[in-house]
Structures are given as structure tokens and as C-alpha cells.
Amino acid sequence: MPIPNLVETGAGSLANAEAVLRSNELKRGRIIYQRSPFRDIIIEMRMNGKVITPGTRISKGSVIDLVVGDGGGPKD
């Protein structure tokens, strides 16, 4: 199955991304916070430590780590 786009559009928030993952029978792994002016906005998706892009084909039940904004200010 192709991974949904959690980075852009309305799926950009952490709460919405978690709901989209569940509805696609995927599991949320770690949440990795990165400096960003926006809190809980999805910056990147990773699987097995590697960045994955929307549309990448993965198996149901795969664990997806989410890199999210910490709300602490501009990215360095």
C-alpha cells in the first residue's frame, strides 16, 4: 500500500497524522521533535531510520516514525 501524505495539506498535524495512520492500518512509532516555529506539525516521515516520501509502497502494519515541530522557533 502507498503511504499517505502526512506532511502537507490538512494531515500536517500530529493528531490528524495519527488518525490517518490508524485508518490505513499503520502504526505510529517514535515522535522525534525538531526545531520549528510550528508545534506538532509533521516535518518528515521515517521508517527503519530512513526518510520515506508519500506514495512509497509499504506493508500494512508498518511502523512509521514522525518528525514533528517543537514550536520553539525558526529552524536553525
PDB file of N, CA and C in Angstrom:
ATOM      1  N   MET A   1       0.839  -1.186   0.000  1.00  0.00           N
ATOM      2  CA  MET A   1       0.000   0.000   0.000  1.00  0.00           C
ATOM      3  C   MET A   1       0.880   1.243   0.000  1.00  0.00           C
ATOM      4  N   PRO A   2       0.488   2.299  -0.689  1.00  0.00           N
ATOM      5  CA  PRO A   2       1.274   3.547  -0.659  1.00  0.00           C
ATOM      6  C   PRO A   2       1.022   4.314   0.639  1.00  0.00           C
ATOM      7  N   ILE A   3       2.073   4.871   1.199  1.00  0.00           N
ATOM      8  CA  ILE A   3       1.924   5.643   2.443  1.00  0.00           C
ATOM      9  C   ILE A   3       1.242   6.968   2.126  1.00  0.00           C
ATOM     10  N   PRO A   4       0.270   7.356   2.942  1.00  0.00           N
ATOM     11  CA  PRO A   4      -0.413   8.634   2.704  1.00  0.00           C
ATOM     12  C   PRO A   4       0.502   9.815   3.003  1.00  0.00           C
ATOM     13  N   ASN A   5       0.147  10.966   2.447  1.00  0.00           N
ATOM     14  CA  ASN A   5       0.925  12.182   2.663  1.00  0.00           C
ATOM     15  C   ASN A   5       0.540  12.791   3.996  1.00  0.00           C
ATOM     16  N   LEU A   6       1.423  12.647   4.987  1.00  0.00           N
ATOM     17  CA  LEU A   6       1.164  13.204   6.312  1.00  0.00           C
ATOM     18  C   LEU A   6       1.838  14.552   6.500  1.00  0.00           C
ATOM     19  N   VAL A   7       2.655  14.955   5.531  1.00  0.00           N
ATOM     20  CA  VAL A   7       3.465  16.163   5.672  1.00  0.00           C
ATOM     21  C   VAL A   7       2.715  17.413   5.240  1.00  0.00           C
ATOM     22  N   GLU A   8       1.935  17.325   4.183  1.00  0.00           N
ATOM     23  CA  GLU A   8       1.282  18.514   3.634  1.00  0.00           C
ATOM     24  C   GLU A   8      -0.226  18.450   3.829  1.00  0.00           C
ATOM     25  N   THR A   9      -0.884  19.433   3.346  1.00  0.00           N
ATOM     26  CA  THR A   9      -2.343  19.594   3.384  1.00  0.00           C
ATOM     27  C   THR A   9      -2.872  19.550   4.816  1.00  0.00           C
ATOM     28  N   GLY A  10      -4.074  19.101   5.008  1.00  0.00           N
ATOM     29  CA  GLY A  10      -4.690  19.079   6.327  1.00  0.00           C
ATOM     30  C   GLY A  10      -4.148  18.001   7.245  1.00  0.00           C
ATOM     31  N   ALA A  11      -3.367  17.073   6.690  1.00  0.00           N
ATOM     32  CA  ALA A  11      -2.842  15.977   7.503  1.00  0.00           C
ATOM     33  C   ALA A  11      -1.591  16.385   8.250  1.00  0.00           C
ATOM     34  N   GLY A  12      -1.242  17.674   8.210  1.00  0.00           N
ATOM     35  CA  GLY A  12       0.021  18.118   8.768  1.00  0.00           C
ATOM     36  C   GLY A  12       0.146  18.094  10.277  1.00  0.00           C
ATOM     37  N   SER A  13      -0.961  17.973  11.016  1.00  0.00           N
ATOM     38  CA  SER A  13      -0.855  17.995  12.475  1.00  0.00           C
ATOM     39  C   SER A  13      -0.630  16.579  13.015  1.00  0.00           C
ATOM     40  N   LEU A  14      -0.011  16.513  14.179  1.00  0.00           N
ATOM     41  CA  LEU A  14       0.292  15.220  14.794  1.00  0.00           C
ATOM     42  C   LEU A  14      -0.977  14.416  15.059  1.00  0.00           C
ATOM     43  N   ALA A  15      -1.992  15.044  15.630  1.00  0.00           N
ATOM     44  CA  ALA A  15      -3.231  14.322  15.946  1.00  0.00           C
ATOM     45  C   ALA A  15      -3.880  13.759  14.689  1.00  0.00           C
ATOM     46  N   ASN A  16      -3.924  14.548  13.625  1.00  0.00           N
ATOM     47  CA  ASN A  16      -4.526  14.083  12.379  1.00  0.00           C
ATOM     48  C   ASN A  16      -3.676  12.986  11.758  1.00  0.00           C
ATOM     49  N   ALA A  17      -2.345  13.131  11.796  1.00  0.00           N
ATOM     50  CA  ALA A  17      -1.457  12.123  11.224  1.00  0.00           C
ATOM     51  C   ALA A  17      -1.647  10.775  11.916  1.00  0.00           C
ATOM     52  N   GLU A  18      -1.799  10.793  13.244  1.00  0.00           N
ATOM     53  CA  GLU A  18      -2.019   9.547  13.978  1.00  0.00           C
ATOM     54  C   GLU A  18      -3.325   8.881  13.548  1.00  0.00           C
ATOM     55  N   ALA A  19      -4.367   9.677  13.337  1.00  0.00           N
ATOM     56  CA  ALA A  19      -5.653   9.135  12.884  1.00  0.00           C
ATOM     57  C   ALA A  19      -5.534   8.538  11.482  1.00  0.00           C
ATOM     58  N   VAL A  20      -4.818   9.219  10.599  1.00  0.00           N
ATOM     59  CA  VAL A  20      -4.623   8.718   9.227  1.00  0.00           C
ATOM     60  C   VAL A  20      -3.833   7.410   9.253  1.00  0.00           C
ATOM     61  N   LEU A  21      -2.800   7.339  10.083  1.00  0.00           N
ATOM     62  CA  LEU A  21      -2.021   6.096  10.191  1.00  0.00           C
ATOM     63  C   LEU A  21      -2.919   4.951  10.650  1.00  0.00           C
ATOM     64  N   ARG A  22      -3.707   5.172  11.701  1.00  0.00           N
ATOM     65  CA  ARG A  22      -4.604   4.121  12.202  1.00  0.00           C
ATOM     66  C   ARG A  22      -5.589   3.670  11.131  1.00  0.00           C
ATOM     67  N   SER A  23      -6.157   4.627  10.407  1.00  0.00           N
ATOM     68  CA  SER A  23      -7.160   4.273   9.397  1.00  0.00           C
ATOM     69  C   SER A  23      -6.551   3.504   8.222  1.00  0.00           C
ATOM     70  N   ASN A  24      -5.236   3.627   8.051  1.00  0.00           N
ATOM     71  CA  ASN A  24      -4.542   2.899   6.985  1.00  0.00           C
ATOM     72  C   ASN A  24      -3.825   1.654   7.518  1.00  0.00           C
ATOM     73  N   GLU A  25      -4.176   1.256   8.747  1.00  0.00           N
ATOM     74  CA  GLU A  25      -3.601   0.071   9.382  1.00  0.00           C
ATOM     75  C   GLU A  25      -2.076   0.147   9.491  1.00  0.00           C
ATOM     76  N   LEU A  26      -1.589   1.347   9.836  1.00  0.00           N
ATOM     77  CA  LEU A  26      -0.169   1.571  10.087  1.00  0.00           C
ATOM     78  C   LEU A  26       0.001   1.955  11.548  1.00  0.00           C
ATOM     79  N   LYS A  27       1.207   1.801  12.059  1.00  0.00           N
ATOM     80  CA  LYS A  27       1.459   2.100  13.460  1.00  0.00           C
ATOM     81  C   LYS A  27       2.394   3.293  13.580  1.00  0.00           C
ATOM     82  N   ARG A  28       2.099   4.160  14.566  1.00  0.00           N
ATOM     83  CA  ARG A  28       2.997   5.277  14.831  1.00  0.00           C
ATOM     84  C   ARG A  28       4.107   4.786  15.726  1.00  0.00           C
ATOM     85  N   GLY A  29       5.331   5.069  15.292  1.00  0.00           N
ATOM     86  CA  GLY A  29       6.497   4.729  16.096  1.00  0.00           C
ATOM     87  C   GLY A  29       6.885   5.916  16.958  1.00  0.00           C
ATOM     88  N   ARG A  30       8.165   6.253  16.935  1.00  0.00           N
ATOM     89  CA  ARG A  30       8.665   7.356  17.753  1.00  0.00           C
ATOM     90  C   ARG A  30       8.210   8.701  17.214  1.00  0.00           C
ATOM     91  N   ILE A  31       8.103   9.654  18.139  1.00  0.00           N
ATOM     92  CA  ILE A  31       7.905  11.052  17.762  1.00  0.00           C
ATOM     93  C   ILE A  31       9.239  11.733  18.017  1.00  0.00           C
ATOM     94  N   ILE A  32       9.801  12.313  16.961  1.00  0.00           N
ATOM     95  CA  ILE A  32      11.104  12.977  17.040  1.00  0.00           C
ATOM     96  C   ILE A  32      10.859  14.471  16.866  1.00  0.00           C
ATOM     97  N   TYR A  33      11.167  15.251  17.897  1.00  0.00           N
ATOM     98  CA  TYR A  33      10.930  16.689  17.810  1.00  0.00           C
ATOM     99  C   TYR A  33      12.111  17.394  17.158  1.00  0.00           C
ATOM    100  N   GLN A  34      11.788  18.330  16.270  1.00  0.00           N
ATOM    101  CA  GLN A  34      12.791  19.124  15.563  1.00  0.00           C
ATOM    102  C   GLN A  34      12.407  20.595  15.698  1.00  0.00           C
ATOM    103  N   ARG A  35      13.405  21.445  15.791  1.00  0.00           N
ATOM    104  CA  ARG A  35      13.146  22.877  15.943  1.00  0.00           C
ATOM    105  C   ARG A  35      12.324  23.394  14.764  1.00  0.00           C
ATOM    106  N   SER A  36      11.253  24.080  15.106  1.00  0.00           N
ATOM    107  CA  SER A  36      10.334  24.614  14.100  1.00  0.00           C
ATOM    108  C   SER A  36       9.454  25.647  14.790  1.00  0.00           C
ATOM    109  N   PRO A  37       9.012  26.671  14.060  1.00  0.00           N
ATOM    110  CA  PRO A  37       8.106  27.638  14.674  1.00  0.00           C
ATOM    111  C   PRO A  37       6.711  27.065  14.930  1.00  0.00           C
ATOM    112  N   PHE A  38       6.417  25.913  14.361  1.00  0.00           N
ATOM    113  CA  PHE A  38       5.076  25.331  14.456  1.00  0.00           C
ATOM    114  C   PHE A  38       5.106  24.057  15.283  1.00  0.00           C
ATOM    115  N   ARG A  39       4.322  24.019  16.348  1.00  0.00           N
ATOM    116  CA  ARG A  39       4.286  22.851  17.223  1.00  0.00           C
ATOM    117  C   ARG A  39       3.415  21.744  16.628  1.00  0.00           C
ATOM    118  N   ASP A  40       3.914  20.529  16.698  1.00  0.00           N
ATOM    119  CA  ASP A  40       3.198  19.317  16.283  1.00  0.00           C
ATOM    120  C   ASP A  40       2.830  19.276  14.799  1.00  0.00           C
ATOM    121  N   ILE A  41       3.556  20.014  13.977  1.00  0.00           N
ATOM    122  CA  ILE A  41       3.375  19.924  12.529  1.00  0.00           C
ATOM    123  C   ILE A  41       4.329  18.850  12.003  1.00  0.00           C
ATOM    124  N   ILE A  42       3.838  17.973  11.142  1.00  0.00           N
ATOM    125  CA  ILE A  42       4.659  16.894  10.620  1.00  0.00           C
ATOM    126  C   ILE A  42       5.667  17.469   9.624  1.00  0.00           C
ATOM    127  N   ILE A  43       6.937  17.211   9.890  1.00  0.00           N
ATOM    128  CA  ILE A  43       8.017  17.696   9.040  1.00  0.00           C
ATOM    129  C   ILE A  43       8.515  16.584   8.116  1.00  0.00           C
ATOM    130  N   GLU A  44       8.498  15.365   8.638  1.00  0.00           N
ATOM    131  CA  GLU A  44       9.100  14.246   7.904  1.00  0.00           C
ATOM    132  C   GLU A  44       8.551  12.936   8.431  1.00  0.00           C
ATOM    133  N   MET A  45       8.538  11.918   7.569  1.00  0.00           N
ATOM    134  CA  MET A  45       8.156  10.564   7.966  1.00  0.00           C
ATOM    135  C   MET A  45       9.368   9.664   7.785  1.00  0.00           C
ATOM    136  N   ARG A  46       9.556   8.730   8.706  1.00  0.00           N
ATOM    137  CA  ARG A  46      10.680   7.796   8.614  1.00  0.00           C
ATOM    138  C   ARG A  46      10.211   6.376   8.900  1.00  0.00           C
ATOM    139  N   MET A  47      10.899   5.442   8.257  1.00  0.00           N
ATOM    140  CA  MET A  47      10.651   4.032   8.529  1.00  0.00           C
ATOM    141  C   MET A  47      12.004   3.339   8.587  1.00  0.00           C
ATOM    142  N   ASN A  48      12.259   2.628   9.662  1.00  0.00           N
ATOM    143  CA  ASN A  48      13.551   1.966   9.873  1.00  0.00           C
ATOM    144  C   ASN A  48      14.710   2.949   9.777  1.00  0.00           C
ATOM    145  N   GLY A  49      14.496   4.172  10.289  1.00  0.00           N
ATOM    146  CA  GLY A  49      15.552   5.180  10.314  1.00  0.00           C
ATOM    147  C   GLY A  49      15.776   5.920   9.010  1.00  0.00           C
ATOM    148  N   LYS A  50      15.021   5.589   7.970  1.00  0.00           N
ATOM    149  CA  LYS A  50      15.191   6.241   6.666  1.00  0.00           C
ATOM    150  C   LYS A  50      13.977   7.095   6.341  1.00  0.00           C
ATOM    151  N   VAL A  51      14.230   8.243   5.726  1.00  0.00           N
ATOM    152  CA  VAL A  51      13.147   9.136   5.314  1.00  0.00           C
ATOM    153  C   VAL A  51      12.345   8.454   4.214  1.00  0.00           C
ATOM    154  N   ILE A  52      11.028   8.515   4.351  1.00  0.00           N
ATOM    155  CA  ILE A  52      10.156   7.975   3.311  1.00  0.00           C
ATOM    156  C   ILE A  52       9.263   9.098   2.794  1.00  0.00           C
ATOM    157  N   THR A  53       8.936   9.016   1.540  1.00  0.00           N
ATOM    158  CA  THR A  53       8.107  10.043   0.903  1.00  0.00           C
ATOM    159  C   THR A  53       6.693   9.512   0.684  1.00  0.00           C
ATOM    160  N   PRO A  54       5.721  10.414   0.625  1.00  0.00           N
ATOM    161  CA  PRO A  54       4.348   9.993   0.354  1.00  0.00           C
ATOM    162  C   PRO A  54       4.291   9.173  -0.931  1.00  0.00           C
ATOM    163  N   GLY A  55       3.496   8.132  -0.905  1.00  0.00           N
ATOM    164  CA  GLY A  55       3.354   7.267  -2.073  1.00  0.00           C
ATOM    165  C   GLY A  55       4.289   6.067  -2.054  1.00  0.00           C
ATOM    166  N   THR A  56       5.301   6.066  -1.162  1.00  0.00           N
ATOM    167  CA  THR A  56       6.196   4.915  -1.038  1.00  0.00           C
ATOM    168  C   THR A  56       5.368   3.702  -0.641  1.00  0.00           C
ATOM    169  N   ARG A  57       5.578   2.580  -1.313  1.00  0.00           N
ATOM    170  CA  ARG A  57       4.805   1.382  -1.017  1.00  0.00           C
ATOM    171  C   ARG A  57       5.371   0.687   0.221  1.00  0.00           C
ATOM    172  N   ILE A  58       4.492   0.441   1.192  1.00  0.00           N
ATOM    173  CA  ILE A  58       4.873  -0.227   2.434  1.00  0.00           C
ATOM    174  C   ILE A  58       3.815  -1.266   2.782  1.00  0.00           C
ATOM    175  N   SER A  59       4.142  -2.138   3.711  1.00  0.00           N
ATOM    176  CA  SER A  59       3.204  -3.176   4.144  1.00  0.00           C
ATOM    177  C   SER A  59       2.271  -2.647   5.231  1.00  0.00           C
ATOM    178  N   LYS A  60       1.051  -3.172   5.266  1.00  0.00           N
ATOM    179  CA  LYS A  60       0.143  -2.849   6.367  1.00  0.00           C
ATOM    180  C   LYS A  60       0.807  -3.275   7.663  1.00  0.00           C
ATOM    181  N   GLY A  61       0.584  -2.492   8.709  1.00  0.00           N
ATOM    182  CA  GLY A  61       1.184  -2.796   9.997  1.00  0.00           C
ATOM    183  C   GLY A  61       2.573  -2.220  10.178  1.00  0.00           C
ATOM    184  N   SER A  62       3.116  -1.561   9.150  1.00  0.00           N
ATOM    185  CA  SER A  62       4.446  -0.955   9.256  1.00  0.00           C
ATOM    186  C   SER A  62       4.444   0.136  10.317  1.00  0.00           C
ATOM    187  N   VAL A  63       5.609   0.344  10.934  1.00  0.00           N
ATOM    188  CA  VAL A  63       5.762   1.358  11.973  1.00  0.00           C
ATOM    189  C   VAL A  63       6.396   2.596  11.348  1.00  0.00           C
ATOM    190  N   ILE A  64       5.735   3.734  11.500  1.00  0.00           N
ATOM    191  CA  ILE A  64       6.193   4.999  10.917  1.00  0.00           C
ATOM    192  C   ILE A  64       6.580   5.948  12.043  1.00  0.00           C
ATOM    193  N   ASP A  65       7.822   6.416  12.029  1.00  0.00           N
ATOM    194  CA  ASP A  65       8.273   7.442  12.969  1.00  0.00           C
ATOM    195  C   ASP A  65       7.943   8.797  12.370  1.00  0.00           C
ATOM    196  N   LEU A  66       7.542   9.731  13.222  1.00  0.00           N
ATOM    197  CA  LEU A  66       7.171  11.066  12.759  1.00  0.00           C
ATOM    198  C   LEU A  66       8.119  12.114  13.324  1.00  0.00           C
ATOM    199  N   VAL A  67       8.668  12.950  12.447  1.00  0.00           N
ATOM    200  CA  VAL A  67       9.466  14.099  12.865  1.00  0.00           C
ATOM    201  C   VAL A  67       8.508  15.277  12.899  1.00  0.00           C
ATOM    202  N   VAL A  68       8.369  15.893  14.078  1.00  0.00           N
ATOM    203  CA  VAL A  68       7.391  16.960  14.245  1.00  0.00           C
ATOM    204  C   VAL A  68       8.039  18.221  14.796  1.00  0.00           C
ATOM    205  N   GLY A  69       7.419  19.357  14.537  1.00  0.00           N
ATOM    206  CA  GLY A  69       7.920  20.631  15.025  1.00  0.00           C
ATOM    207  C   GLY A  69       7.734  20.768  16.529  1.00  0.00           C
ATOM    208  N   ASP A  70       8.692  21.431  17.171  1.00  0.00           N
ATOM    209  CA  ASP A  70       8.634  21.602  18.626  1.00  0.00           C
ATOM    210  C   ASP A  70       8.008  22.929  19.046  1.00  0.00           C
ATOM    211  N   GLY A  71       7.746  23.823  18.085  1.00  0.00           N
ATOM    212  CA  GLY A  71       7.144  25.103  18.400  1.00  0.00           C
ATOM    213  C   GLY A  71       8.104  26.088  19.037  1.00  0.00           C
ATOM    214  N   GLY A  72       9.391  25.780  19.008  1.00  0.00           N
ATOM    215  CA  GLY A  72      10.382  26.584  19.696  1.00  0.00           C
ATOM    216  C   GLY A  72      10.975  27.732  18.902  1.00  0.00           C
ATOM    217  N   GLY A  73      10.619  27.884  17.676  1.00  0.00           N
ATOM    218  CA  GLY A  73      11.163  28.990  16.883  1.00  0.00           C
ATOM    219  C   GLY A  73      11.663  28.523  15.531  1.00  0.00           C
ATOM    220  N   PRO A  74      12.312  29.419  14.792  1.00  0.00           N
ATOM    221  CA  PRO A  74      12.767  29.087  13.438  1.00  0.00           C
ATOM    222  C   PRO A  74      13.741  27.921  13.437  1.00  0.00           C
ATOM    223  N   LYS A  75      13.683  27.139  12.373  1.00  0.00           N
ATOM    224  CA  LYS A  75      14.631  26.045  12.213  1.00  0.00           C
ATOM    225  C   LYS A  75      16.011  26.638  11.991  1.00  0.00           C
ATOM    226  N   ASP A  76      17.019  26.087  12.667  1.00  0.00           N
ATOM    227  CA  ASP A  76      18.397  26.588  12.539  1.00  0.00           C
ATOM    228  C   ASP A  76      18.995  26.235  11.200  1.00  0.00           C
TER     229      ASP A  76
END
